[in-house]
Amino acid sequence: MPTYGYRCDNCGHEFERFQSITARALRKCPRCGRNSLNRLIGTGAGVIFKGSGFYETDYRSESYKQAQKKETDGGKEKKDDGKSEVKTAESGESGPPAKPGSKKDKNKSAQA
């Protein structure tokens, strides 16, 4: 339900009232008792989502997202799939880096 602002033309009293959209506009001023109230046109309030799952950035435009990505990446596109390969000079093998203590690591240290 929205909050409506009212002003009395007779005494100048201003107040807000929490009313249903379908409710009639008030006419009688609570201060002077005359039927001279006018409903004010306001800017309203923004919708605020509360609770988990709602984030300020969920509904950003695509152009904003692209500009933000360029700013954080320094304007460079990165194509990293997270799998780096290491090529050893001695064996010519390529593949993921050997973990310390693994079979590949032991073979490498035996050849050296």
PDB file of N, CA and C in Angstrom:
ATOM      1  N   MET A   1       0.833  -1.183   0.000  1.00  0.00           N
ATOM      2  CA  MET A   1       0.000   0.000   0.000  1.00  0.00           C
ATOM      3  C   MET A   1       0.881   1.251   0.000  1.00  0.00           C
ATOM      4  N   PRO A   2       0.531   2.215  -0.823  1.00  0.00           N
ATOM      5  CA  PRO A   2       1.334   3.439  -0.907  1.00  0.00           C
ATOM      6  C   PRO A   2       1.026   4.437   0.200  1.00  0.00           C
ATOM      7  N   THR A   3       1.936   5.352   0.359  1.00  0.00           N
ATOM      8  CA  THR A   3       1.763   6.462   1.297  1.00  0.00           C
ATOM      9  C   THR A   3       1.469   7.712   0.474  1.00  0.00           C
ATOM     10  N   TYR A   4       0.379   8.382   0.810  1.00  0.00           N
ATOM     11  CA  TYR A   4      -0.023   9.590   0.091  1.00  0.00           C
ATOM     12  C   TYR A   4       0.197  10.816   0.960  1.00  0.00           C
ATOM     13  N   GLY A   5       0.635  11.895   0.337  1.00  0.00           N
ATOM     14  CA  GLY A   5       0.802  13.165   1.028  1.00  0.00           C
ATOM     15  C   GLY A   5      -0.420  14.033   0.809  1.00  0.00           C
ATOM     16  N   TYR A   6      -0.818  14.781   1.830  1.00  0.00           N
ATOM     17  CA  TYR A   6      -1.972  15.675   1.751  1.00  0.00           C
ATOM     18  C   TYR A   6      -1.594  17.053   2.286  1.00  0.00           C
ATOM     19  N   ARG A   7      -2.264  18.089   1.745  1.00  0.00           N
ATOM     20  CA  ARG A   7      -2.095  19.454   2.238  1.00  0.00           C
ATOM     21  C   ARG A   7      -3.472  20.118   2.271  1.00  0.00           C
ATOM     22  N   CYS A   8      -3.721  20.811   3.361  1.00  0.00           N
ATOM     23  CA  CYS A   8      -4.987  21.536   3.512  1.00  0.00           C
ATOM     24  C   CYS A   8      -4.833  22.934   2.905  1.00  0.00           C
ATOM     25  N   ASP A   9      -5.751  23.307   2.007  1.00  0.00           N
ATOM     26  CA  ASP A   9      -5.728  24.640   1.396  1.00  0.00           C
ATOM     27  C   ASP A   9      -6.132  25.718   2.401  1.00  0.00           C
ATOM     28  N   ASN A  10      -6.893  25.328   3.415  1.00  0.00           N
ATOM     29  CA  ASN A  10      -7.382  26.293   4.398  1.00  0.00           C
ATOM     30  C   ASN A  10      -6.307  26.660   5.425  1.00  0.00           C
ATOM     31  N   CYS A  11      -5.742  25.655   6.124  1.00  0.00           N
ATOM     32  CA  CYS A  11      -4.801  25.946   7.212  1.00  0.00           C
ATOM     33  C   CYS A  11      -3.338  25.617   6.867  1.00  0.00           C
ATOM     34  N   GLY A  12      -3.085  24.978   5.718  1.00  0.00           N
ATOM     35  CA  GLY A  12      -1.720  24.673   5.296  1.00  0.00           C
ATOM     36  C   GLY A  12      -1.123  23.424   5.950  1.00  0.00           C
ATOM     37  N   HIS A  13      -1.929  22.698   6.730  1.00  0.00           N
ATOM     38  CA  HIS A  13      -1.454  21.480   7.401  1.00  0.00           C
ATOM     39  C   HIS A  13      -1.069  20.427   6.356  1.00  0.00           C
ATOM     40  N   GLU A  14       0.123  19.851   6.508  1.00  0.00           N
ATOM     41  CA  GLU A  14       0.584  18.784   5.618  1.00  0.00           C
ATOM     42  C   GLU A  14       0.821  17.525   6.422  1.00  0.00           C
ATOM     43  N   PHE A  15       0.447  16.377   5.851  1.00  0.00           N
ATOM     44  CA  PHE A  15       0.656  15.086   6.504  1.00  0.00           C
ATOM     45  C   PHE A  15       0.648  13.981   5.461  1.00  0.00           C
ATOM     46  N   GLU A  16       1.034  12.793   5.886  1.00  0.00           N
ATOM     47  CA  GLU A  16       1.036  11.620   5.009  1.00  0.00           C
ATOM     48  C   GLU A  16       0.103  10.577   5.581  1.00  0.00           C
ATOM     49  N   ARG A  17      -0.524   9.815   4.689  1.00  0.00           N
ATOM     50  CA  ARG A  17      -1.433   8.767   5.128  1.00  0.00           C
ATOM     51  C   ARG A  17      -1.159   7.499   4.312  1.00  0.00           C
ATOM     52  N   PHE A  18      -1.060   6.389   4.996  1.00  0.00           N
ATOM     53  CA  PHE A  18      -0.840   5.077   4.397  1.00  0.00           C
ATOM     54  C   PHE A  18      -2.206   4.535   3.999  1.00  0.00           C
ATOM     55  N   GLN A  19      -2.473   4.452   2.669  1.00  0.00           N
ATOM     56  CA  GLN A  19      -3.791   4.064   2.176  1.00  0.00           C
ATOM     57  C   GLN A  19      -3.684   3.056   1.046  1.00  0.00           C
ATOM     58  N   SER A  20      -4.740   2.332   0.844  1.00  0.00           N
ATOM     59  CA  SER A  20      -4.848   1.421  -0.280  1.00  0.00           C
ATOM     60  C   SER A  20      -4.971   2.238  -1.571  1.00  0.00           C
ATOM     61  N   ILE A  21      -4.557   1.654  -2.668  1.00  0.00           N
ATOM     62  CA  ILE A  21      -4.662   2.345  -3.962  1.00  0.00           C
ATOM     63  C   ILE A  21      -6.124   2.616  -4.311  1.00  0.00           C
ATOM     64  N   THR A  22      -6.999   1.707  -3.940  1.00  0.00           N
ATOM     65  CA  THR A  22      -8.413   1.849  -4.283  1.00  0.00           C
ATOM     66  C   THR A  22      -9.180   2.745  -3.308  1.00  0.00           C
ATOM     67  N   ALA A  23      -8.560   3.162  -2.207  1.00  0.00           N
ATOM     68  CA  ALA A  23      -9.232   4.032  -1.228  1.00  0.00           C
ATOM     69  C   ALA A  23      -9.437   5.428  -1.816  1.00  0.00           C
ATOM     70  N   ARG A  24     -10.543   6.060  -1.424  1.00  0.00           N
ATOM     71  CA  ARG A  24     -10.830   7.430  -1.878  1.00  0.00           C
ATOM     72  C   ARG A  24      -9.852   8.402  -1.221  1.00  0.00           C
ATOM     73  N   ALA A  25      -9.554   9.479  -1.929  1.00  0.00           N
ATOM     74  CA  ALA A  25      -8.696  10.531  -1.375  1.00  0.00           C
ATOM     75  C   ALA A  25      -9.414  11.202  -0.207  1.00  0.00           C
ATOM     76  N   LEU A  26      -8.666  11.555   0.806  1.00  0.00           N
ATOM     77  CA  LEU A  26      -9.236  12.240   1.973  1.00  0.00           C
ATOM     78  C   LEU A  26      -9.642  13.656   1.585  1.00  0.00           C
ATOM     79  N   ARG A  27     -10.706  14.175   2.218  1.00  0.00           N
ATOM     80  CA  ARG A  27     -11.176  15.539   1.948  1.00  0.00           C
ATOM     81  C   ARG A  27     -11.154  16.391   3.201  1.00  0.00           C
ATOM     82  N   LYS A  28     -11.429  15.793   4.361  1.00  0.00           N
ATOM     83  CA  LYS A  28     -11.569  16.558   5.608  1.00  0.00           C
ATOM     84  C   LYS A  28     -10.221  16.663   6.321  1.00  0.00           C
ATOM     85  N   CYS A  29      -9.792  17.886   6.620  1.00  0.00           N
ATOM     86  CA  CYS A  29      -8.527  18.141   7.303  1.00  0.00           C
ATOM     87  C   CYS A  29      -8.647  17.731   8.773  1.00  0.00           C
ATOM     88  N   PRO A  30      -7.693  16.950   9.296  1.00  0.00           N
ATOM     89  CA  PRO A  30      -7.760  16.550  10.698  1.00  0.00           C
ATOM     90  C   PRO A  30      -7.490  17.707  11.668  1.00  0.00           C
ATOM     91  N   ARG A  31      -6.877  18.794  11.209  1.00  0.00           N
ATOM     92  CA  ARG A  31      -6.563  19.924  12.090  1.00  0.00           C
ATOM     93  C   ARG A  31      -7.729  20.935  12.157  1.00  0.00           C
ATOM     94  N   CYS A  32      -8.172  21.428  10.998  1.00  0.00           N
ATOM     95  CA  CYS A  32      -9.206  22.469  11.010  1.00  0.00           C
ATOM     96  C   CYS A  32     -10.620  21.937  10.762  1.00  0.00           C
ATOM     97  N   GLY A  33     -10.735  20.707  10.250  1.00  0.00           N
ATOM     98  CA  GLY A  33     -12.051  20.099  10.041  1.00  0.00           C
ATOM     99  C   GLY A  33     -12.752  20.497   8.762  1.00  0.00           C
ATOM    100  N   ARG A  34     -12.137  21.298   7.923  1.00  0.00           N
ATOM    101  CA  ARG A  34     -12.751  21.724   6.658  1.00  0.00           C
ATOM    102  C   ARG A  34     -12.478  20.700   5.553  1.00  0.00           C
ATOM    103  N   ASN A  35     -13.331  20.701   4.561  1.00  0.00           N
ATOM    104  CA  ASN A  35     -13.167  19.812   3.405  1.00  0.00           C
ATOM    105  C   ASN A  35     -12.299  20.498   2.353  1.00  0.00           C
ATOM    106  N   SER A  36     -11.044  20.726   2.685  1.00  0.00           N
ATOM    107  CA  SER A  36     -10.165  21.449   1.759  1.00  0.00           C
ATOM    108  C   SER A  36      -8.810  20.744   1.577  1.00  0.00           C
ATOM    109  N   LEU A  37      -8.787  19.420   1.730  1.00  0.00           N
ATOM    110  CA  LEU A  37      -7.543  18.663   1.531  1.00  0.00           C
ATOM    111  C   LEU A  37      -7.298  18.392   0.056  1.00  0.00           C
ATOM    112  N   ASN A  38      -6.050  18.434  -0.335  1.00  0.00           N
ATOM    113  CA  ASN A  38      -5.634  18.045  -1.680  1.00  0.00           C
ATOM    114  C   ASN A  38      -4.550  16.985  -1.566  1.00  0.00           C
ATOM    115  N   ARG A  39      -4.695  15.952  -2.375  1.00  0.00           N
ATOM    116  CA  ARG A  39      -3.658  14.916  -2.402  1.00  0.00           C
ATOM    117  C   ARG A  39      -2.486  15.456  -3.213  1.00  0.00           C
ATOM    118  N   LEU A  40      -1.290  15.327  -2.656  1.00  0.00           N
ATOM    119  CA  LEU A  40      -0.082  15.825  -3.319  1.00  0.00           C
ATOM    120  C   LEU A  40       0.488  14.757  -4.246  1.00  0.00           C
ATOM    121  N   ILE A  41       1.093  15.230  -5.303  1.00  0.00           N
ATOM    122  CA  ILE A  41       1.760  14.321  -6.227  1.00  0.00           C
ATOM    123  C   ILE A  41       3.205  14.202  -5.781  1.00  0.00           C
ATOM    124  N   GLY A  42       3.628  12.994  -5.458  1.00  0.00           N
ATOM    125  CA  GLY A  42       4.992  12.779  -4.980  1.00  0.00           C
ATOM    126  C   GLY A  42       5.782  11.929  -5.948  1.00  0.00           C
ATOM    127  N   THR A  43       7.054  11.825  -5.652  1.00  0.00           N
ATOM    128  CA  THR A  43       7.923  11.011  -6.508  1.00  0.00           C
ATOM    129  C   THR A  43       7.813   9.539  -6.173  1.00  0.00           C
ATOM    130  N   GLY A  44       7.269   9.218  -5.020  1.00  0.00           N
ATOM    131  CA  GLY A  44       7.169   7.822  -4.623  1.00  0.00           C
ATOM    132  C   GLY A  44       8.501   7.317  -4.117  1.00  0.00           C
ATOM    133  N   ALA A  45       8.521   6.083  -3.762  1.00  0.00           N
ATOM    134  CA  ALA A  45       9.741   5.473  -3.241  1.00  0.00           C
ATOM    135  C   ALA A  45      10.140   4.309  -4.137  1.00  0.00           C
ATOM    136  N   GLY A  46      11.428   4.043  -4.203  1.00  0.00           N
ATOM    137  CA  GLY A  46      11.906   2.916  -4.983  1.00  0.00           C
ATOM    138  C   GLY A  46      11.561   1.607  -4.294  1.00  0.00           C
ATOM    139  N   VAL A  47      11.431   0.572  -5.075  1.00  0.00           N
ATOM    140  CA  VAL A  47      11.139  -0.744  -4.528  1.00  0.00           C
ATOM    141  C   VAL A  47      12.406  -1.288  -3.893  1.00  0.00           C
ATOM    142  N   ILE A  48      12.288  -1.778  -2.689  1.00  0.00           N
ATOM    143  CA  ILE A  48      13.434  -2.345  -1.986  1.00  0.00           C
ATOM    144  C   ILE A  48      13.138  -3.811  -1.715  1.00  0.00           C
ATOM    145  N   PHE A  49      13.955  -4.684  -2.278  1.00  0.00           N
ATOM    146  CA  PHE A  49      13.824  -6.108  -2.036  1.00  0.00           C
ATOM    147  C   PHE A  49      14.701  -6.470  -0.853  1.00  0.00           C
ATOM    148  N   LYS A  50      14.124  -7.178   0.102  1.00  0.00           N
ATOM    149  CA  LYS A  50      14.898  -7.588   1.259  1.00  0.00           C
ATOM    150  C   LYS A  50      14.899  -9.106   1.318  1.00  0.00           C
ATOM    151  N   GLY A  51      15.970  -9.642   1.848  1.00  0.00           N
ATOM    152  CA  GLY A  51      16.060 -11.081   2.013  1.00  0.00           C
ATOM    153  C   GLY A  51      17.156 -11.658   1.145  1.00  0.00           C
ATOM    154  N   SER A  52      17.418 -12.925   1.341  1.00  0.00           N
ATOM    155  CA  SER A  52      18.487 -13.553   0.568  1.00  0.00           C
ATOM    156  C   SER A  52      18.022 -13.755  -0.870  1.00  0.00           C
ATOM    157  N   GLY A  53      18.947 -13.677  -1.788  1.00  0.00           N
ATOM    158  CA  GLY A  53      18.629 -13.892  -3.193  1.00  0.00           C
ATOM    159  C   GLY A  53      18.417 -12.623  -3.983  1.00  0.00           C
ATOM    160  N   PHE A  54      18.350 -11.465  -3.324  1.00  0.00           N
ATOM    161  CA  PHE A  54      18.169 -10.213  -4.033  1.00  0.00           C
ATOM    162  C   PHE A  54      19.441  -9.396  -3.918  1.00  0.00           C
ATOM    163  N   TYR A  55      20.004  -9.039  -5.045  1.00  0.00           N
ATOM    164  CA  TYR A  55      21.238  -8.271  -5.066  1.00  0.00           C
ATOM    165  C   TYR A  55      21.050  -7.049  -5.939  1.00  0.00           C
ATOM    166  N   GLU A  56      21.723  -5.978  -5.588  1.00  0.00           N
ATOM    167  CA  GLU A  56      21.629  -4.722  -6.327  1.00  0.00           C
ATOM    168  C   GLU A  56      22.057  -4.897  -7.778  1.00  0.00           C
ATOM    169  N   THR A  57      22.997  -5.788  -8.023  1.00  0.00           N
ATOM    170  CA  THR A  57      23.556  -5.944  -9.368  1.00  0.00           C
ATOM    171  C   THR A  57      22.840  -6.987 -10.209  1.00  0.00           C
ATOM    172  N   ASP A  58      21.794  -7.621  -9.698  1.00  0.00           N
ATOM    173  CA  ASP A  58      21.099  -8.665 -10.453  1.00  0.00           C
ATOM    174  C   ASP A  58      20.462  -8.154 -11.739  1.00  0.00           C
ATOM    175  N   TYR A  59      20.014  -6.934 -11.767  1.00  0.00           N
ATOM    176  CA  TYR A  59      19.242  -6.438 -12.897  1.00  0.00           C
ATOM    177  C   TYR A  59      19.968  -5.341 -13.665  1.00  0.00           C
ATOM    178  N   ARG A  60      21.280  -5.391 -13.695  1.00  0.00           N
ATOM    179  CA  ARG A  60      22.059  -4.391 -14.437  1.00  0.00           C
ATOM    180  C   ARG A  60      21.938  -4.658 -15.935  1.00  0.00           C
ATOM    181  N   SER A  61      22.060  -3.599 -16.738  1.00  0.00           N
ATOM    182  CA  SER A  61      21.980  -3.728 -18.190  1.00  0.00           C
ATOM    183  C   SER A  61      23.258  -4.384 -18.724  1.00  0.00           C
ATOM    184  N   GLU A  62      23.148  -4.938 -19.914  1.00  0.00           N
ATOM    185  CA  GLU A  62      24.300  -5.606 -20.534  1.00  0.00           C
ATOM    186  C   GLU A  62      25.428  -4.619 -20.804  1.00  0.00           C
ATOM    187  N   SER A  63      25.094  -3.391 -21.219  1.00  0.00           N
ATOM    188  CA  SER A  63      26.139  -2.401 -21.492  1.00  0.00           C
ATOM    189  C   SER A  63      26.896  -2.049 -20.220  1.00  0.00           C
ATOM    190  N   TYR A  64      26.194  -1.989 -19.092  1.00  0.00           N
ATOM    191  CA  TYR A  64      26.857  -1.713 -17.813  1.00  0.00           C
ATOM    192  C   TYR A  64      27.789  -2.862 -17.452  1.00  0.00           C
ATOM    193  N   LYS A  65      27.313  -4.088 -17.635  1.00  0.00           N
ATOM    194  CA  LYS A  65      28.127  -5.263 -17.297  1.00  0.00           C
ATOM    195  C   LYS A  65      29.398  -5.311 -18.153  1.00  0.00           C
ATOM    196  N   GLN A  66      29.276  -4.993 -19.457  1.00  0.00           N
ATOM    197  CA  GLN A  66      30.439  -5.008 -20.340  1.00  0.00           C
ATOM    198  C   GLN A  66      31.434  -3.917 -19.951  1.00  0.00           C
ATOM    199  N   ALA A  67      30.944  -2.732 -19.627  1.00  0.00           N
ATOM    200  CA  ALA A  67      31.832  -1.641 -19.221  1.00  0.00           C
ATOM    201  C   ALA A  67      32.540  -1.985 -17.916  1.00  0.00           C
ATOM    202  N   GLN A  68      31.821  -2.617 -16.998  1.00  0.00           N
ATOM    203  CA  GLN A  68      32.408  -3.013 -15.723  1.00  0.00           C
ATOM    204  C   GLN A  68      33.478  -4.078 -15.932  1.00  0.00           C
ATOM    205  N   LYS A  69      33.223  -5.009 -16.850  1.00  0.00           N
ATOM    206  CA  LYS A  69      34.190  -6.078 -17.126  1.00  0.00           C
ATOM    207  C   LYS A  69      35.471  -5.493 -17.721  1.00  0.00           C
ATOM    208  N   LYS A  70      35.324  -4.534 -18.644  1.00  0.00           N
ATOM    209  CA  LYS A  70      36.499  -3.901 -19.240  1.00  0.00           C
ATOM    210  C   LYS A  70      37.303  -3.147 -18.188  1.00  0.00           C
ATOM    211  N   GLU A  71      36.600  -2.505 -17.267  1.00  0.00           N
ATOM    212  CA  GLU A  71      37.276  -1.748 -16.223  1.00  0.00           C
ATOM    213  C   GLU A  71      38.065  -2.664 -15.281  1.00  0.00           C
ATOM    214  N   THR A  72      37.494  -3.785 -14.912  1.00  0.00           N
ATOM    215  CA  THR A  72      38.166  -4.695 -13.987  1.00  0.00           C
ATOM    216  C   THR A  72      39.271  -5.496 -14.667  1.00  0.00           C
ATOM    217  N   ASP A  73      39.130  -5.787 -15.966  1.00  0.00           N
ATOM    218  CA  ASP A  73      40.145  -6.538 -16.706  1.00  0.00           C
ATOM    219  C   ASP A  73      41.211  -5.641 -17.297  1.00  0.00           C
ATOM    220  N   GLY A  74      41.076  -4.362 -17.154  1.00  0.00           N
ATOM    221  CA  GLY A  74      42.021  -3.427 -17.744  1.00  0.00           C
ATOM    222  C   GLY A  74      41.832  -3.313 -19.248  1.00  0.00           C
ATOM    223  N   GLY A  75      40.617  -3.634 -19.733  1.00  0.00           N
ATOM    224  CA  GLY A  75      40.329  -3.531 -21.147  1.00  0.00           C
ATOM    225  C   GLY A  75      40.780  -4.722 -21.953  1.00  0.00           C
ATOM    226  N   LYS A  76      41.317  -5.750 -21.321  1.00  0.00           N
ATOM    227  CA  LYS A  76      41.803  -6.923 -22.049  1.00  0.00           C
ATOM    228  C   LYS A  76      40.870  -8.090 -21.830  1.00  0.00           C
ATOM    229  N   GLU A  77      40.615  -8.802 -22.889  1.00  0.00           N
ATOM    230  CA  GLU A  77      39.812 -10.015 -22.812  1.00  0.00           C
ATOM    231  C   GLU A  77      40.705 -11.155 -22.364  1.00  0.00           C
ATOM    232  N   LYS A  78      40.264 -11.924 -21.393  1.00  0.00           N
ATOM    233  CA  LYS A  78      41.043 -13.060 -20.922  1.00  0.00           C
ATOM    234  C   LYS A  78      40.379 -14.343 -21.380  1.00  0.00           C
ATOM    235  N   LYS A  79      41.162 -15.258 -21.901  1.00  0.00           N
ATOM    236  CA  LYS A  79      40.650 -16.556 -22.315  1.00  0.00           C
ATOM    237  C   LYS A  79      41.410 -17.622 -21.555  1.00  0.00           C
ATOM    238  N   ASP A  80      41.123 -17.748 -20.287  1.00  0.00           N
ATOM    239  CA  ASP A  80      41.807 -18.714 -19.443  1.00  0.00           C
ATOM    240  C   ASP A  80      40.785 -19.721 -18.972  1.00  0.00           C
ATOM    241  N   ASP A  81      40.974 -20.960 -19.321  1.00  0.00           N
ATOM    242  CA  ASP A  81      40.035 -21.984 -18.887  1.00  0.00           C
ATOM    243  C   ASP A  81      40.430 -22.588 -17.549  1.00  0.00           C
ATOM    244  N   GLY A  82      41.505 -22.090 -16.943  1.00  0.00           N
ATOM    245  CA  GLY A  82      41.921 -22.556 -15.640  1.00  0.00           C
ATOM    246  C   GLY A  82      42.834 -23.760 -15.676  1.00  0.00           C
ATOM    247  N   LYS A  83      43.091 -24.307 -16.851  1.00  0.00           N
ATOM    248  CA  LYS A  83      43.952 -25.485 -16.975  1.00  0.00           C
ATOM    249  C   LYS A  83      45.246 -25.074 -17.658  1.00  0.00           C
ATOM    250  N   SER A  84      46.276 -24.879 -16.882  1.00  0.00           N
ATOM    251  CA  SER A  84      47.551 -24.497 -17.478  1.00  0.00           C
ATOM    252  C   SER A  84      48.359 -25.749 -17.774  1.00  0.00           C
ATOM    253  N   GLU A  85      49.075 -25.702 -18.875  1.00  0.00           N
ATOM    254  CA  GLU A  85      49.904 -26.839 -19.245  1.00  0.00           C
ATOM    255  C   GLU A  85      51.367 -26.432 -19.194  1.00  0.00           C
ATOM    256  N   VAL A  86      52.191 -27.361 -18.755  1.00  0.00           N
ATOM    257  CA  VAL A  86      53.620 -27.114 -18.659  1.00  0.00           C
ATOM    258  C   VAL A  86      54.313 -28.093 -19.587  1.00  0.00           C
ATOM    259  N   LYS A  87      55.220 -27.591 -20.414  1.00  0.00           N
ATOM    260  CA  LYS A  87      55.975 -28.431 -21.331  1.00  0.00           C
ATOM    261  C   LYS A  87      57.397 -28.539 -20.795  1.00  0.00           C
ATOM    262  N   THR A  88      57.823 -29.744 -20.565  1.00  0.00           N
ATOM    263  CA  THR A  88      59.177 -29.925 -20.046  1.00  0.00           C
ATOM    264  C   THR A  88      60.148 -30.033 -21.204  1.00  0.00           C
ATOM    265  N   ALA A  89      61.314 -29.438 -21.048  1.00  0.00           N
ATOM    266  CA  ALA A  89      62.319 -29.398 -22.113  1.00  0.00           C
ATOM    267  C   ALA A  89      62.936 -30.776 -22.337  1.00  0.00           C
ATOM    268  N   GLU A  90      63.123 -31.545 -21.254  1.00  0.00           N
ATOM    269  CA  GLU A  90      63.811 -32.827 -21.387  1.00  0.00           C
ATOM    270  C   GLU A  90      62.947 -33.880 -22.062  1.00  0.00           C
ATOM    271  N   SER A  91      61.725 -34.043 -21.612  1.00  0.00           N
ATOM    272  CA  SER A  91      60.916 -35.139 -22.120  1.00  0.00           C
ATOM    273  C   SER A  91      60.019 -34.719 -23.267  1.00  0.00           C
ATOM    274  N   GLY A  92      59.761 -33.412 -23.417  1.00  0.00           N
ATOM    275  CA  GLY A  92      58.883 -32.947 -24.484  1.00  0.00           C
ATOM    276  C   GLY A  92      57.418 -33.217 -24.173  1.00  0.00           C
ATOM    277  N   GLU A  93      57.141 -33.707 -22.954  1.00  0.00           N
ATOM    278  CA  GLU A  93      55.760 -33.994 -22.572  1.00  0.00           C
ATOM    279  C   GLU A  93      55.047 -32.691 -22.234  1.00  0.00           C
ATOM    280  N   SER A  94      53.769 -32.686 -22.516  1.00  0.00           N
ATOM    281  CA  SER A  94      52.967 -31.554 -22.072  1.00  0.00           C
ATOM    282  C   SER A  94      51.789 -32.096 -21.295  1.00  0.00           C
ATOM    283  N   GLY A  95      51.322 -31.326 -20.394  1.00  0.00           N
ATOM    284  CA  GLY A  95      50.208 -31.743 -19.550  1.00  0.00           C
ATOM    285  C   GLY A  95      50.147 -30.847 -18.342  1.00  0.00           C
ATOM    286  N   PRO A  96      49.277 -31.184 -17.416  1.00  0.00           N
ATOM    287  CA  PRO A  96      49.181 -30.349 -16.220  1.00  0.00           C
ATOM    288  C   PRO A  96      50.451 -30.435 -15.401  1.00  0.00           C
ATOM    289  N   PRO A  97      50.769 -29.408 -14.640  1.00  0.00           N
ATOM    290  CA  PRO A  97      51.991 -29.427 -13.836  1.00  0.00           C
ATOM    291  C   PRO A  97      51.975 -30.600 -12.854  1.00  0.00           C
ATOM    292  N   ALA A  98      53.146 -31.200 -12.622  1.00  0.00           N
ATOM    293  CA  ALA A  98      53.250 -32.338 -11.715  1.00  0.00           C
ATOM    294  C   ALA A  98      53.149 -31.866 -10.280  1.00  0.00           C
ATOM    295  N   LYS A  99      52.446 -32.644  -9.472  1.00  0.00           N
ATOM    296  CA  LYS A  99      52.334 -32.331  -8.053  1.00  0.00           C
ATOM    297  C   LYS A  99      53.580 -32.840  -7.354  1.00  0.00           C
ATOM    298  N   PRO A 100      54.063 -32.106  -6.364  1.00  0.00           N
ATOM    299  CA  PRO A 100      55.237 -32.574  -5.623  1.00  0.00           C
ATOM    300  C   PRO A 100      54.958 -33.949  -5.011  1.00  0.00           C
ATOM    301  N   GLY A 101      55.892 -34.880  -5.184  1.00  0.00           N
ATOM    302  CA  GLY A 101      55.755 -36.226  -4.635  1.00  0.00           C
ATOM    303  C   GLY A 101      55.024 -37.187  -5.549  1.00  0.00           C
ATOM    304  N   SER A 102      54.573 -36.715  -6.737  1.00  0.00           N
ATOM    305  CA  SER A 102      53.862 -37.606  -7.648  1.00  0.00           C
ATOM    306  C   SER A 102      54.865 -38.402  -8.483  1.00  0.00           C
ATOM    307  N   LYS A 103      54.337 -39.374  -9.244  1.00  0.00           N
ATOM    308  CA  LYS A 103      55.176 -40.244 -10.061  1.00  0.00           C
ATOM    309  C   LYS A 103      55.950 -39.438 -11.105  1.00  0.00           C
ATOM    310  N   LYS A 104      55.274 -38.471 -11.750  1.00  0.00           N
ATOM    311  CA  LYS A 104      55.935 -37.637 -12.755  1.00  0.00           C
ATOM    312  C   LYS A 104      57.062 -36.830 -12.124  1.00  0.00           C
ATOM    313  N   ASP A 105      56.795 -36.309 -10.928  1.00  0.00           N
ATOM    314  CA  ASP A 105      57.794 -35.498 -10.225  1.00  0.00           C
ATOM    315  C   ASP A 105      59.027 -36.347  -9.894  1.00  0.00           C
ATOM    316  N   LYS A 106      58.819 -37.608  -9.478  1.00  0.00           N
ATOM    317  CA  LYS A 106      59.926 -38.494  -9.129  1.00  0.00           C
ATOM    318  C   LYS A 106      60.753 -38.845 -10.385  1.00  0.00           C
ATOM    319  N   ASN A 107      60.046 -39.087 -11.521  1.00  0.00           N
ATOM    320  CA  ASN A 107      60.739 -39.383 -12.774  1.00  0.00           C
ATOM    321  C   ASN A 107      61.584 -38.212 -13.235  1.00  0.00           C
ATOM    322  N   LYS A 108      61.056 -37.018 -13.056  1.00  0.00           N
ATOM    323  CA  LYS A 108      61.761 -35.804 -13.455  1.00  0.00           C
ATOM    324  C   LYS A 108      63.030 -35.626 -12.615  1.00  0.00           C
ATOM    325  N   SER A 109      62.935 -35.845 -11.319  1.00  0.00           N
ATOM    326  CA  SER A 109      64.087 -35.659 -10.459  1.00  0.00           C
ATOM    327  C   SER A 109      65.108 -36.784 -10.664  1.00  0.00           C
ATOM    328  N   ALA A 110      64.684 -37.983 -11.079  1.00  0.00           N
ATOM    329  CA  ALA A 110      65.605 -39.082 -11.340  1.00  0.00           C
ATOM    330  C   ALA A 110      66.392 -38.805 -12.631  1.00  0.00           C
ATOM    331  N   GLN A 111      65.726 -38.143 -13.621  1.00  0.00           N
ATOM    332  CA  GLN A 111      66.397 -37.864 -14.887  1.00  0.00           C
ATOM    333  C   GLN A 111      67.405 -36.719 -14.739  1.00  0.00           C
ATOM    334  N   ALA A 112      67.175 -35.845 -13.803  1.00  0.00           N
ATOM    335  CA  ALA A 112      68.045 -34.684 -13.652  1.00  0.00           C
ATOM    336  C   ALA A 112      69.352 -34.989 -13.035  1.00  0.00           C
TER     337      ALA A 112
END
